[in-house]
Amino acid sequence: MFDMIVDNGKLFSNMFRLFTDYNHIHLDTFKKTVKETRGIIDSKSIYESWLHNLDRTYEKELKSKRFTSILSNYVDSLIDFRKSCRKFGIPVNEIDQFTYDIRKHVFGFPSAKEIENDPNSTPSEVIYSKKKIELIHYLNENSNAVPVILVYAQINRFNIMDLMPEKSVVQNLMSQGFDVFVIHWGYSGTNDDIMTVDDYIRCLDDSIEAIKEKTNSKKISMIGYCWGGILSLIYSTLFKEKIKNLAVLATPIDFSKDSSHLALWAKDIDADRMIDEFGHLNPLFLDIGFIMRNPSRNFDKYFRMLERINDKPFLENFFAMEKWLHNTPPIPGEYFRKIINDGYKNNSLIKNEMIVLDKKIDLKEIDFPVLTVVAKKDDLVSPASTLELDRYTSGIEKTTMVYEGGHVGLCISTHAQKTLWPKIAQWLHEKSKNENITQKSVEKITLAA
């Protein structure tokens, strides 16, 4: 009991330090804004100026060693307090599951079957499943369509690729002549905490085999997004004979060059202590982490939503996005531990030191065409980290596309649907037709937002 009281005191002390730090940021930027806007009567202009000052201050202060140290201490104290509660007999695991079940009820986390029956989703079917992982095939009447698999991250859900008919990557690719398959990683529970990168790669290989059998294809085109891109790269080194070409979007490659908020914080927290205690990465931590990067903008979007309360198409899009943003599953512990330690902390992916399926991952094994896509305004994965991919693959056909928007904008923005994805589709078609490339080609394409 005494230990729990002491650890509770430490937790609130560190929470207060964190809260105070944000308060100082808001107060200091407000004082600065008042000085800069002296004489301006328009409250909206003052508010906008304050938001822009906050953006700059968040960018600097929340990436400082001082702040990451405060955050790390808070996480450590939270772990210690939870351990004390568990030793005292408080059913912390059951409480975690209860809160997750509430979130699941509120946000309606969809299964693949529910997605099939959603009138806003592209008609689909599940053609392979193992544990909670399902391979979804979007129904296509084009017998000449080229098979492609989308490998999304375990963070949030893949249905961002088919969120609304007018902003659907899936439908975009289908209209460009592709037979689209997507992996649904499922909603992990505490029984799935031991899921590893090895397990995901095995399931990905089973999925590729299912696609090959269904489409009578020898090789498949692959698109990897964010952490899904990491799995795509790992898979492509181990089973390169099954991959025709690879497109990697907004994926951290050289983690030493990822200076985003979440990357810096991930490098400073003790992932081993967290997973040893919680077993998994609690989805609430991820949601809070996303908000902490810029809490003012997260609240501001609701004010802007109220200004367009009579705009029905806007509201439908807004609430669809909000539901997706909070549709965060628990991240299996052993998978999370390896990504953080081998990736963010040790940068093992580019050092040939990452071990998967008892083999060292060497990106030089990727000798087929590779497309690297970055979002210039990406605040979740630094473009500089992704752009390093060309240095580590051995193929002679390498293309880079730079989109002026942000991380999520790569798939959800109207402009990306009209400009970026047709370019990606064109690239995939060209490389699919020409499998005997002998001339070195390095190309960079910049697309405005």
Protein backbone atom coordinates (compact mmCIF):
# COMPACT_ATOMS: atom_id res chain seq x y z
CA MET A 1 0.00 0.00 0.00
CA PHE A 2 2.82 2.40 0.94
CA ASP A 3 4.61 1.76 -2.37
CA MET A 4 1.42 2.50 -4.28
CA ILE A 5 0.95 5.81 -2.43
CA VAL A 6 4.57 6.83 -3.10
CA ASP A 7 4.38 5.86 -6.79
CA ASN A 8 1.06 7.68 -7.09
CA GLY A 9 2.76 10.81 -5.72
CA LYS A 10 5.57 10.50 -8.26
CA LEU A 11 3.07 10.00 -11.07
CA PHE A 12 1.11 13.13 -10.21
CA SER A 13 4.32 15.09 -9.73
CA ASN A 14 5.53 14.16 -13.23
CA MET A 15 2.05 14.72 -14.66
CA PHE A 16 2.07 18.20 -13.10
CA ARG A 17 5.48 18.94 -14.65
CA LEU A 18 4.15 17.90 -18.05
CA PHE A 19 0.98 19.97 -17.61
CA THR A 20 3.00 22.97 -16.41
CA ASP A 21 5.29 22.76 -19.42
CA TYR A 22 2.35 23.01 -21.80
CA ASN A 23 0.89 25.86 -19.75
CA HIS A 24 4.15 27.82 -20.06
CA ILE A 25 4.18 27.28 -23.81
CA HIS A 26 0.62 28.58 -24.17
CA LEU A 27 1.15 31.53 -21.84
CA ASP A 28 4.46 32.60 -23.38
CA THR A 29 3.14 32.38 -26.94
CA PHE A 30 0.01 34.30 -25.95
CA LYS A 31 2.13 37.11 -24.48
CA LYS A 32 4.21 37.15 -27.66
CA THR A 33 1.07 37.26 -29.80
CA VAL A 34 -0.39 40.17 -27.80
CA LYS A 35 2.79 42.19 -28.42
CA GLU A 36 2.83 41.32 -32.13
CA THR A 37 -0.85 42.15 -32.67
CA ARG A 38 -1.01 45.31 -30.56
CA GLY A 39 -3.53 47.66 -32.13
CA ILE A 40 -5.39 44.88 -33.96
CA ILE A 41 -9.03 44.65 -32.92
CA ASP A 42 -10.04 41.59 -34.95
CA SER A 43 -10.12 38.69 -32.45
CA LYS A 44 -9.99 36.11 -35.23
CA SER A 45 -6.71 37.55 -36.55
CA ILE A 46 -5.25 37.48 -33.04
CA TYR A 47 -6.39 33.88 -32.58
CA GLU A 48 -4.84 32.82 -35.92
CA SER A 49 -1.60 34.56 -35.03
CA TRP A 50 -1.52 32.77 -31.68
CA LEU A 51 -2.03 29.40 -33.37
CA HIS A 52 0.86 30.03 -35.77
CA ASN A 53 3.10 31.04 -32.86
CA LEU A 54 2.08 27.87 -31.04
CA ASP A 55 2.94 25.78 -34.12
CA ARG A 56 6.49 27.15 -34.13
CA THR A 57 6.90 26.79 -30.37
CA TYR A 58 5.58 23.22 -30.30
CA GLU A 59 8.00 22.35 -33.10
CA LYS A 60 10.94 23.60 -31.06
CA GLU A 61 10.07 22.96 -27.42
CA LEU A 62 8.39 19.55 -27.71
CA LYS A 63 11.43 18.16 -29.51
CA SER A 64 13.91 19.45 -26.92
CA LYS A 65 15.86 17.09 -24.72
CA ARG A 66 14.32 18.82 -21.72
CA PHE A 67 10.77 17.95 -22.79
CA THR A 68 11.54 14.38 -23.88
CA SER A 69 13.15 13.86 -20.46
CA ILE A 70 9.99 15.11 -18.71
CA LEU A 71 7.84 12.86 -20.88
CA SER A 72 10.09 9.85 -20.29
CA ASN A 73 9.96 10.40 -16.52
CA TYR A 74 6.17 10.58 -16.68
CA VAL A 75 5.95 7.30 -18.61
CA ASP A 76 8.33 5.63 -16.12
CA SER A 77 6.26 6.82 -13.16
CA LEU A 78 3.07 5.58 -14.86
CA ILE A 79 4.67 2.15 -15.28
CA ASP A 80 5.80 2.12 -11.63
CA PHE A 81 2.35 3.12 -10.40
CA ARG A 82 0.67 0.41 -12.46
CA LYS A 83 3.09 -2.19 -11.08
CA SER A 84 2.29 -1.10 -7.53
CA CYS A 85 -1.45 -1.29 -8.21
CA ARG A 86 -1.08 -4.76 -9.66
CA LYS A 87 0.96 -5.96 -6.67
CA PHE A 88 -1.69 -4.52 -4.34
CA GLY A 89 -4.32 -6.65 -6.09
CA ILE A 90 -6.02 -4.07 -8.27
CA PRO A 91 -7.12 -5.79 -11.55
CA VAL A 92 -5.27 -3.39 -13.87
CA ASN A 93 -5.46 -5.68 -16.91
CA GLU A 94 -9.21 -5.98 -16.56
CA ILE A 95 -9.52 -2.20 -16.20
CA ASP A 96 -7.46 -1.71 -19.38
CA GLN A 97 -9.67 -4.17 -21.25
CA PHE A 98 -12.81 -2.48 -19.94
CA THR A 99 -11.71 0.97 -21.17
CA TYR A 100 -10.75 -0.51 -24.54
CA ASP A 101 -14.15 -2.23 -24.84
CA ILE A 102 -15.84 1.12 -24.18
CA ARG A 103 -13.78 2.77 -26.92
CA LYS A 104 -14.60 -0.10 -29.23
CA HIS A 105 -18.31 0.31 -28.50
CA VAL A 106 -18.21 4.10 -28.98
CA PHE A 107 -16.19 4.10 -32.20
CA GLY A 108 -17.54 0.84 -33.60
CA PHE A 109 -14.26 -0.79 -34.65
CA PRO A 110 -15.31 -2.61 -37.83
CA SER A 111 -14.44 -6.18 -38.64
CA ALA A 112 -13.70 -7.17 -42.23
CA LYS A 113 -17.21 -8.64 -42.43
CA GLU A 114 -18.76 -5.36 -41.29
CA ILE A 115 -16.65 -3.50 -43.83
CA GLU A 116 -18.00 -5.83 -46.54
CA ASN A 117 -21.54 -4.81 -45.59
CA ASP A 118 -20.82 -1.08 -45.30
CA PRO A 119 -22.62 0.72 -48.17
CA ASN A 120 -19.85 3.36 -48.26
CA SER A 121 -17.13 0.73 -48.74
CA THR A 122 -16.06 -0.86 -52.00
CA PRO A 123 -17.57 -4.39 -52.31
CA SER A 124 -15.07 -6.94 -50.99
CA GLU A 125 -14.52 -10.46 -49.75
CA VAL A 126 -12.14 -12.14 -47.32
CA ILE A 127 -10.02 -14.72 -49.14
CA TYR A 128 -7.58 -15.63 -46.35
CA SER A 129 -7.58 -15.38 -42.57
CA LYS A 130 -5.30 -16.48 -39.78
CA LYS A 131 -5.88 -15.61 -36.14
CA LYS A 132 -7.31 -12.08 -36.42
CA ILE A 133 -5.54 -11.18 -39.66
CA GLU A 134 -7.60 -11.16 -42.86
CA LEU A 135 -6.75 -10.59 -46.50
CA ILE A 136 -9.45 -8.53 -48.19
CA HIS A 137 -10.02 -8.70 -51.93
CA TYR A 138 -12.00 -5.88 -53.53
CA LEU A 139 -14.36 -7.35 -56.10
CA ASN A 140 -13.27 -6.56 -59.64
CA GLU A 141 -14.91 -7.47 -62.95
CA ASN A 142 -11.80 -6.62 -64.96
CA SER A 143 -10.23 -9.99 -65.81
CA ASN A 144 -7.04 -8.24 -67.00
CA ALA A 145 -6.52 -6.25 -63.81
CA VAL A 146 -3.00 -6.32 -62.36
CA PRO A 147 -2.87 -7.63 -58.75
CA VAL A 148 -1.48 -5.28 -56.10
CA ILE A 149 -1.43 -5.61 -52.31
CA LEU A 150 -1.69 -2.64 -49.94
CA VAL A 151 0.16 -3.19 -46.67
CA TYR A 152 -1.03 -0.60 -44.17
CA ALA A 153 0.35 -0.01 -40.66
CA GLN A 154 -0.96 -1.70 -37.52
CA ILE A 155 -1.57 1.81 -36.13
CA ASN A 156 -5.13 2.95 -36.94
CA ARG A 157 -6.94 0.95 -39.60
CA PHE A 158 -6.45 0.21 -43.26
CA ASN A 159 -9.93 1.51 -44.17
CA ILE A 160 -8.41 4.99 -44.55
CA MET A 161 -7.58 3.60 -48.01
CA ASP A 162 -11.31 3.23 -48.71
CA LEU A 163 -12.89 5.65 -46.26
CA MET A 164 -15.32 7.35 -48.63
CA PRO A 165 -16.14 6.65 -52.31
CA GLU A 166 -14.83 10.04 -53.49
CA LYS A 167 -11.59 9.65 -51.51
CA SER A 168 -10.80 5.98 -51.97
CA VAL A 169 -7.31 4.80 -52.88
CA VAL A 170 -8.82 1.37 -53.50
CA GLN A 171 -11.32 2.66 -56.07
CA ASN A 172 -8.66 4.90 -57.58
CA LEU A 173 -6.36 1.95 -58.20
CA MET A 174 -9.21 -0.20 -59.47
CA SER A 175 -10.15 2.49 -61.98
CA GLN A 176 -6.51 2.45 -63.15
CA GLY A 177 -6.70 -1.28 -63.93
CA PHE A 178 -5.57 -2.93 -60.68
CA ASP A 179 -6.93 -5.88 -58.76
CA VAL A 180 -6.63 -4.61 -55.18
CA PHE A 181 -5.92 -6.65 -52.04
CA VAL A 182 -5.49 -5.19 -48.54
CA ILE A 183 -4.39 -6.79 -45.27
CA HIS A 184 -6.64 -6.19 -42.27
CA TRP A 185 -4.38 -6.75 -39.26
CA GLY A 186 -7.35 -7.19 -36.93
CA TYR A 187 -7.91 -5.85 -33.42
CA SER A 188 -5.36 -7.32 -31.07
CA GLY A 189 -6.26 -8.33 -27.54
CA THR A 190 -4.09 -9.29 -24.60
CA ASN A 191 -3.78 -12.81 -26.02
CA ASP A 192 -2.06 -11.35 -29.08
CA ASP A 193 0.71 -9.53 -27.18
CA ILE A 194 3.26 -12.16 -28.19
CA MET A 195 2.69 -11.48 -31.91
CA THR A 196 6.08 -10.69 -33.43
CA VAL A 197 7.43 -9.24 -36.66
CA ASP A 198 8.12 -12.86 -37.65
CA ASP A 199 4.41 -13.69 -37.23
CA TYR A 200 3.34 -10.74 -39.36
CA ILE A 201 5.83 -11.64 -42.10
CA ARG A 202 4.54 -15.23 -42.16
CA CYS A 203 0.96 -13.95 -42.49
CA LEU A 204 2.06 -11.57 -45.23
CA ASP A 205 3.69 -14.46 -47.08
CA ASP A 206 0.52 -16.55 -46.75
CA SER A 207 -1.43 -13.60 -48.15
CA ILE A 208 0.91 -13.26 -51.13
CA GLU A 209 0.51 -16.97 -51.85
CA ALA A 210 -3.29 -16.60 -51.68
CA ILE A 211 -3.13 -13.71 -54.17
CA LYS A 212 -0.84 -15.65 -56.50
CA GLU A 213 -3.23 -18.58 -56.46
CA LYS A 214 -6.35 -16.48 -57.00
CA THR A 215 -4.86 -14.37 -59.82
CA ASN A 216 -2.58 -17.03 -61.33
CA SER A 217 0.36 -14.63 -60.97
CA LYS A 218 4.02 -15.46 -60.31
CA LYS A 219 4.89 -12.09 -58.80
CA ILE A 220 2.87 -9.38 -57.06
CA SER A 221 3.19 -5.59 -56.86
CA MET A 222 3.26 -4.27 -53.30
CA ILE A 223 2.49 -0.89 -51.72
CA GLY A 224 3.64 -0.34 -48.12
CA TYR A 225 2.41 2.61 -46.06
CA CYS A 226 4.16 3.95 -42.90
CA TRP A 227 4.99 1.02 -40.55
CA GLY A 228 3.38 -1.21 -43.18
CA GLY A 229 6.25 -0.06 -45.39
CA ILE A 230 8.73 -1.46 -42.86
CA LEU A 231 7.04 -4.87 -43.09
CA SER A 232 6.97 -4.58 -46.89
CA LEU A 233 10.70 -3.93 -47.00
CA ILE A 234 11.47 -6.79 -44.64
CA TYR A 235 9.27 -9.13 -46.65
CA SER A 236 10.82 -8.01 -49.94
CA THR A 237 14.32 -8.88 -48.74
CA LEU A 238 13.27 -12.34 -47.58
CA PHE A 239 10.95 -13.27 -50.46
CA LYS A 240 12.11 -11.07 -53.32
CA GLU A 241 11.30 -13.75 -55.88
CA LYS A 242 7.59 -13.14 -55.20
CA ILE A 243 7.62 -9.33 -55.58
CA LYS A 244 7.44 -7.62 -58.97
CA ASN A 245 7.94 -4.05 -57.75
CA LEU A 246 7.56 -2.11 -54.52
CA ALA A 247 6.13 1.32 -53.65
CA VAL A 248 6.95 2.63 -50.17
CA LEU A 249 5.00 5.60 -48.78
CA ALA A 250 5.87 7.74 -45.74
CA THR A 251 7.98 4.97 -44.20
CA PRO A 252 10.86 5.51 -41.75
CA ILE A 253 14.04 4.00 -43.23
CA ASP A 254 17.02 5.75 -41.64
CA PHE A 255 15.65 6.34 -38.15
CA SER A 256 18.56 8.62 -37.26
CA LYS A 257 17.06 11.14 -39.68
CA ASP A 258 13.52 10.90 -38.36
CA SER A 259 13.13 14.07 -36.29
CA SER A 260 9.34 13.95 -35.92
CA HIS A 261 7.86 14.36 -32.45
CA LEU A 262 6.81 10.72 -32.12
CA ALA A 263 10.19 9.46 -33.35
CA LEU A 264 12.12 11.54 -30.83
CA TRP A 265 9.79 10.49 -28.03
CA ALA A 266 10.01 6.82 -29.07
CA LYS A 267 13.80 6.98 -28.91
CA ASP A 268 13.67 8.29 -25.33
CA ILE A 269 11.07 6.03 -23.69
CA ASP A 270 11.96 2.65 -22.24
CA ALA A 271 9.95 0.35 -24.53
CA ASP A 272 11.13 -2.77 -22.68
CA ARG A 273 9.78 -1.57 -19.32
CA MET A 274 6.51 -0.50 -20.93
CA ILE A 275 5.91 -3.82 -22.68
CA ASP A 276 7.08 -5.88 -19.71
CA GLU A 277 4.38 -4.17 -17.63
CA PHE A 278 1.50 -3.51 -20.04
CA GLY A 279 2.14 -6.37 -22.46
CA HIS A 280 1.16 -4.16 -25.39
CA LEU A 281 1.04 -0.52 -26.43
CA ASN A 282 -2.22 0.83 -25.10
CA PRO A 283 -4.16 2.55 -27.92
CA LEU A 284 -5.00 5.42 -25.57
CA PHE A 285 -1.26 6.19 -25.33
CA LEU A 286 -1.09 6.52 -29.10
CA ASP A 287 -4.15 8.77 -29.27
CA ILE A 288 -2.79 11.01 -26.52
CA GLY A 289 0.64 11.03 -28.17
CA PHE A 290 -0.87 12.25 -31.46
CA ILE A 291 -2.74 15.02 -29.62
CA MET A 292 0.31 16.05 -27.58
CA ARG A 293 2.23 16.96 -30.76
CA ASN A 294 -0.06 19.97 -31.21
CA PRO A 295 -3.03 20.05 -28.81
CA SER A 296 -4.16 23.51 -29.94
CA ARG A 297 -4.70 22.38 -33.53
CA ASN A 298 -6.57 19.31 -32.29
CA PHE A 299 -9.06 21.54 -30.47
CA ASP A 300 -9.11 24.17 -33.20
CA LYS A 301 -10.45 21.71 -35.78
CA TYR A 302 -13.69 21.43 -33.79
CA PHE A 303 -14.15 25.21 -33.81
CA ARG A 304 -13.65 25.18 -37.57
CA MET A 305 -16.10 22.32 -37.86
CA LEU A 306 -18.75 24.44 -36.11
CA GLU A 307 -18.23 27.18 -38.69
CA ARG A 308 -19.34 24.70 -41.37
CA ILE A 309 -22.10 23.04 -39.39
CA ASN A 310 -24.51 23.33 -42.34
CA ASP A 311 -22.09 21.83 -44.86
CA LYS A 312 -23.29 18.22 -44.98
CA PRO A 313 -20.54 16.77 -47.25
CA PHE A 314 -17.88 18.41 -45.07
CA LEU A 315 -19.43 17.04 -41.88
CA GLU A 316 -19.67 13.53 -43.30
CA ASN A 317 -16.00 13.65 -44.21
CA PHE A 318 -15.05 15.24 -40.87
CA PHE A 319 -16.78 12.62 -38.71
CA ALA A 320 -15.56 9.76 -40.90
CA MET A 321 -12.01 10.99 -40.32
CA GLU A 322 -12.58 11.45 -36.58
CA LYS A 323 -13.94 7.93 -36.26
CA TRP A 324 -10.92 6.58 -38.13
CA LEU A 325 -8.46 8.61 -36.04
CA HIS A 326 -9.78 7.10 -32.82
CA ASN A 327 -10.04 3.62 -34.29
CA THR A 328 -6.69 2.69 -32.74
CA PRO A 329 -6.11 -0.93 -31.73
CA PRO A 330 -3.65 -2.16 -29.11
CA ILE A 331 -0.25 -2.77 -30.69
CA PRO A 332 1.09 -6.26 -29.82
CA GLY A 333 3.92 -5.94 -27.32
CA GLU A 334 6.67 -8.00 -28.94
CA TYR A 335 6.02 -6.42 -32.33
CA PHE A 336 6.12 -2.91 -30.82
CA ARG A 337 9.27 -3.72 -28.83
CA LYS A 338 11.16 -4.81 -31.95
CA ILE A 339 10.08 -1.85 -34.08
CA ILE A 340 11.09 0.63 -31.36
CA ASN A 341 14.36 -1.05 -30.36
CA ASP A 342 15.57 -2.26 -33.76
CA GLY A 343 14.20 0.75 -35.59
CA TYR A 344 14.02 3.98 -33.66
CA LYS A 345 16.69 3.23 -31.06
CA ASN A 346 19.31 1.11 -32.88
CA ASN A 347 18.59 1.91 -36.56
CA SER A 348 19.15 -1.77 -37.34
CA LEU A 349 17.19 -1.78 -40.61
CA ILE A 350 19.92 0.02 -42.56
CA LYS A 351 22.79 -1.61 -40.63
CA ASN A 352 21.90 -5.17 -41.68
CA GLU A 353 21.49 -5.97 -37.97
CA MET A 354 17.74 -6.66 -37.83
CA ILE A 355 16.95 -10.38 -37.53
CA VAL A 356 13.62 -11.70 -38.87
CA LEU A 357 12.84 -15.40 -39.40
CA ASP A 358 16.41 -16.12 -38.25
CA LYS A 359 17.88 -14.11 -41.14
CA LYS A 360 19.61 -10.75 -41.27
CA ILE A 361 17.63 -8.17 -43.20
CA ASP A 362 19.74 -6.72 -46.00
CA LEU A 363 17.97 -4.09 -48.11
CA LYS A 364 20.47 -4.77 -50.92
CA GLU A 365 18.42 -7.89 -51.63
CA ILE A 366 15.79 -5.58 -53.11
CA ASP A 367 16.97 -5.52 -56.73
CA PHE A 368 13.64 -4.84 -58.46
CA PRO A 369 12.04 -1.41 -59.19
CA VAL A 370 11.34 0.69 -56.10
CA LEU A 371 9.17 3.79 -55.78
CA THR A 372 9.70 6.03 -52.75
CA VAL A 373 6.87 8.44 -51.92
CA VAL A 374 7.20 11.17 -49.29
CA ALA A 375 4.89 13.90 -48.04
CA LYS A 376 6.85 17.13 -47.77
CA LYS A 377 4.74 18.30 -44.81
CA ASP A 378 4.73 14.92 -43.07
CA ASP A 379 4.86 15.46 -39.29
CA LEU A 380 4.71 11.76 -38.39
CA VAL A 381 7.63 10.44 -40.46
CA SER A 382 10.38 12.84 -41.53
CA PRO A 383 10.80 12.83 -45.34
CA ALA A 384 14.60 12.81 -44.87
CA SER A 385 14.31 9.39 -43.24
CA THR A 386 12.25 7.89 -46.09
CA LEU A 387 14.38 9.40 -48.86
CA GLU A 388 17.38 7.38 -47.69
CA LEU A 389 15.87 4.18 -49.13
CA ASP A 390 17.58 4.57 -52.52
CA ARG A 391 20.97 4.36 -50.84
CA TYR A 392 20.31 0.89 -49.47
CA THR A 393 18.48 -0.97 -52.25
CA SER A 394 20.46 -2.45 -55.17
CA GLY A 395 17.99 -2.16 -58.04
CA ILE A 396 18.83 0.08 -60.99
CA GLU A 397 15.26 1.37 -61.33
CA LYS A 398 14.50 3.90 -58.56
CA THR A 399 11.87 6.62 -58.56
CA THR A 400 11.01 9.24 -55.94
CA MET A 401 7.74 11.15 -55.72
CA VAL A 402 7.47 14.18 -53.44
CA TYR A 403 3.95 15.27 -52.53
CA GLU A 404 3.56 18.70 -50.96
CA GLY A 405 0.93 17.61 -48.42
CA GLY A 406 1.00 15.73 -45.11
CA HIS A 407 1.16 12.12 -43.90
CA VAL A 408 -2.56 11.31 -43.97
CA GLY A 409 -3.07 13.61 -46.94
CA LEU A 410 -1.18 11.10 -49.08
CA CYS A 411 -4.27 8.95 -49.19
CA ILE A 412 -7.19 11.10 -48.05
CA SER A 413 -6.78 14.46 -49.79
CA THR A 414 -8.74 15.18 -52.95
CA HIS A 415 -5.62 16.51 -54.65
CA ALA A 416 -3.64 13.34 -53.90
CA GLN A 417 -6.47 11.30 -55.38
CA LYS A 418 -6.32 13.34 -58.57
CA THR A 419 -2.54 13.69 -58.96
CA LEU A 420 -0.49 11.36 -56.78
CA TRP A 421 -2.31 8.03 -57.09
CA PRO A 422 -2.67 8.14 -60.89
CA LYS A 423 1.12 8.71 -60.99
CA ILE A 424 1.70 5.75 -58.65
CA ALA A 425 -0.62 3.62 -60.80
CA GLN A 426 1.22 4.68 -63.96
CA TRP A 427 4.56 3.77 -62.37
CA LEU A 428 3.28 0.34 -61.28
CA HIS A 429 1.94 -0.40 -64.75
CA GLU A 430 5.18 0.65 -66.47
CA LYS A 431 7.38 -1.44 -64.18
CA SER A 432 4.99 -4.41 -64.35
CA LYS A 433 5.25 -4.49 -68.14
CA ASN A 434 9.03 -4.11 -68.27
CA GLU A 435 10.54 -6.84 -66.11
CA ASN A 436 13.91 -6.92 -67.88
CA ILE A 437 15.30 -3.51 -66.98
CA THR A 438 18.95 -3.10 -67.92
CA GLN A 439 19.46 0.66 -67.91
CA LYS A 440 19.91 2.55 -64.66
CA SER A 441 17.10 5.01 -63.99
CA VAL A 442 16.79 7.45 -61.07
CA GLU A 443 13.83 9.83 -61.30
CA LYS A 444 12.33 12.43 -58.96
CA ILE A 445 8.77 13.72 -59.41
CA THR A 446 7.36 16.61 -57.37
CA LEU A 447 3.60 17.00 -57.05
CA ALA A 448 1.96 20.13 -55.65
CA ALA A 449 -0.63 19.84 -52.91
